[in-house]
């Protein structure tokens, strides 16, 4: 279900299931396309959105299922997309995870962490807070 939070903020509340990933991507794309986002930037945002939503679906409520809220706003000059992910699952700050050593061989690397590393490298800003029983992860990307 999509509802307006305010004039420029759009919101989607959906079950945190990997089966719903395409719905989430379509929702974010709709907002980006309305803001004339370049295809390159849109693809970078889509990769980040996929990583964050799939992590919520797999880990936030395990072994149960809960909901995720995705909020998208595009504003400013130059335009900046702000995508917020909210869930009431287990408190977890993915930004505290140590970045993987991408210079080491695949055999030497620890499993996990590459997805959030890519999110941090492709977005202009990634913020996390835990407030009122919710994980809130915010991605920001300039739409150039």
Protein backbone atom coordinates (compact mmCIF):
# COMPACT_ATOMS: atom_id res chain seq x y z
CA UNK A 1 0.00 0.00 0.00
CA UNK A 2 1.44 3.37 -1.03
CA UNK A 3 0.54 6.57 0.76
CA UNK A 4 1.84 10.13 0.77
CA UNK A 5 3.61 11.17 3.99
CA UNK A 6 4.00 14.73 2.81
CA UNK A 7 4.12 16.47 -0.55
CA UNK A 8 7.48 15.07 -1.64
CA UNK A 9 7.80 11.92 0.49
CA UNK A 10 6.26 8.69 -0.77
CA UNK A 11 5.87 5.63 1.42
CA UNK A 12 5.45 1.91 0.84
CA UNK A 13 4.66 -0.49 3.69
CA UNK A 14 5.18 -4.11 2.69
CA UNK A 15 5.90 -7.52 4.17
CA UNK A 16 9.66 -8.00 4.45
CA UNK A 17 9.81 -10.98 2.08
CA UNK A 18 12.27 -11.44 -0.77
CA UNK A 19 9.24 -12.18 -2.99
CA UNK A 20 8.35 -8.48 -2.60
CA UNK A 21 11.70 -7.17 -3.86
CA UNK A 22 10.38 -6.34 -7.34
CA UNK A 23 7.52 -4.33 -5.82
CA UNK A 24 10.03 -2.36 -3.74
CA UNK A 25 12.31 -1.74 -6.75
CA UNK A 26 9.33 -0.66 -8.88
CA UNK A 27 8.19 1.74 -6.14
CA UNK A 28 11.65 3.35 -5.85
CA UNK A 29 12.07 3.47 -9.65
CA UNK A 30 8.74 5.26 -10.02
CA UNK A 31 9.99 8.06 -7.75
CA UNK A 32 13.40 8.24 -9.45
CA UNK A 33 11.92 8.32 -12.95
CA UNK A 34 9.58 11.13 -11.92
CA UNK A 35 12.70 13.08 -10.91
CA UNK A 36 14.47 12.41 -14.26
CA UNK A 37 17.15 10.30 -12.59
CA UNK A 38 19.88 9.07 -14.95
CA UNK A 39 19.89 5.35 -15.73
CA UNK A 40 23.38 4.94 -14.21
CA UNK A 41 22.34 6.52 -10.91
CA UNK A 42 19.07 4.59 -10.92
CA UNK A 43 20.95 1.30 -11.33
CA UNK A 44 23.31 2.18 -8.45
CA UNK A 45 20.34 2.99 -6.23
CA UNK A 46 18.56 -0.22 -7.29
CA UNK A 47 21.57 -2.33 -6.24
CA UNK A 48 21.65 -0.58 -2.87
CA UNK A 49 17.87 -0.93 -2.39
CA UNK A 50 18.07 -4.63 -3.22
CA UNK A 51 20.89 -5.21 -0.74
CA UNK A 52 19.15 -3.41 2.12
CA UNK A 53 15.67 -4.86 1.52
CA UNK A 54 16.93 -8.44 1.12
CA UNK A 55 18.93 -8.08 4.35
CA UNK A 56 15.78 -6.91 6.16
CA UNK A 57 13.82 -9.81 4.65
CA UNK A 58 16.43 -12.38 5.68
CA UNK A 59 17.55 -11.15 9.09
CA UNK A 60 15.36 -8.50 10.73
CA UNK A 61 12.60 -10.80 11.95
CA UNK A 62 14.13 -14.28 11.53
CA UNK A 63 12.67 -16.82 11.82
CA UNK A 64 9.41 -14.86 11.67
CA UNK A 65 8.19 -12.27 9.17
CA UNK A 66 7.46 -8.60 9.73
CA UNK A 67 6.96 -5.50 7.68
CA UNK A 68 9.29 -2.96 6.17
CA UNK A 69 8.56 0.65 5.38
CA UNK A 70 10.33 2.29 2.46
CA UNK A 71 10.17 6.06 2.13
CA UNK A 72 11.47 7.95 -0.88
CA UNK A 73 11.92 11.68 -1.27
CA UNK A 74 13.67 13.61 -4.01
CA UNK A 75 14.38 17.26 -3.34
CA UNK A 76 17.00 19.97 -3.41
CA UNK A 77 19.05 21.62 -6.11
CA UNK A 78 20.91 19.63 -7.23
CA UNK A 79 18.34 16.93 -6.62
CA UNK A 80 19.10 14.31 -3.98
CA UNK A 81 17.22 11.05 -3.54
CA UNK A 82 16.68 10.01 0.07
CA UNK A 83 15.54 6.42 0.59
CA UNK A 84 14.69 5.33 4.11
CA UNK A 85 14.19 1.75 5.27
CA UNK A 86 12.37 1.21 8.55
CA UNK A 87 11.77 -2.10 10.31
CA UNK A 88 10.88 -3.19 13.83
CA UNK A 89 13.16 -6.21 13.75
CA UNK A 90 16.26 -6.99 15.79
CA UNK A 91 18.34 -3.81 16.32
CA UNK A 92 21.26 -3.97 13.88
CA UNK A 93 23.55 -1.31 12.51
CA UNK A 94 25.12 -2.68 9.31
CA UNK A 95 27.46 0.32 9.16
CA UNK A 96 29.36 -1.01 12.18
CA UNK A 97 30.46 -4.06 10.21
CA UNK A 98 34.12 -3.83 9.22
CA UNK A 99 34.63 -3.29 5.50
CA UNK A 100 35.95 -6.38 3.73
CA UNK A 101 39.54 -6.39 2.50
CA UNK A 102 38.84 -6.19 -1.22
CA UNK A 103 42.55 -6.45 -1.98
CA UNK A 104 42.80 -10.02 -0.61
CA UNK A 105 42.00 -13.09 -2.67
CA UNK A 106 38.49 -14.51 -2.60
CA UNK A 107 39.75 -17.55 -0.67
CA UNK A 108 41.15 -15.31 2.09
CA UNK A 109 38.08 -13.08 2.51
CA UNK A 110 35.52 -13.53 5.26
CA UNK A 111 32.01 -14.37 4.14
CA UNK A 112 29.56 -11.47 4.18
CA UNK A 113 29.86 -7.73 4.31
CA UNK A 114 30.46 -7.08 0.62
CA UNK A 115 26.90 -5.93 -0.05
CA UNK A 116 26.81 -3.20 2.58
CA UNK A 117 30.35 -2.22 1.53
CA UNK A 118 29.08 -1.68 -2.04
CA UNK A 119 26.13 0.33 -0.69
CA UNK A 120 28.51 2.58 1.26
CA UNK A 121 30.76 3.04 -1.79
CA UNK A 122 27.99 3.84 -4.29
CA UNK A 123 25.75 6.07 -2.18
CA UNK A 124 26.78 9.61 -1.21
CA UNK A 125 25.69 9.05 2.37
CA UNK A 126 24.41 6.10 4.41
CA UNK A 127 23.02 6.74 7.88
CA UNK A 128 21.68 4.42 10.57
CA UNK A 129 19.73 5.06 13.73
CA UNK A 130 17.65 3.00 16.11
CA UNK A 131 14.69 5.00 17.36
CA UNK A 132 11.40 4.10 19.05
CA UNK A 133 11.92 0.39 18.44
CA UNK A 134 12.83 0.76 14.77
CA UNK A 135 15.93 0.32 12.66
CA UNK A 136 16.14 3.30 10.30
CA UNK A 137 18.65 3.12 7.47
CA UNK A 138 18.82 6.10 5.12
CA UNK A 139 20.52 6.17 1.72
CA UNK A 140 21.25 9.47 -0.02
CA UNK A 141 22.38 9.86 -3.61
CA UNK A 142 22.73 12.95 -5.81
CA UNK A 143 20.77 12.62 -9.04
CA UNK A 144 23.24 13.97 -11.57
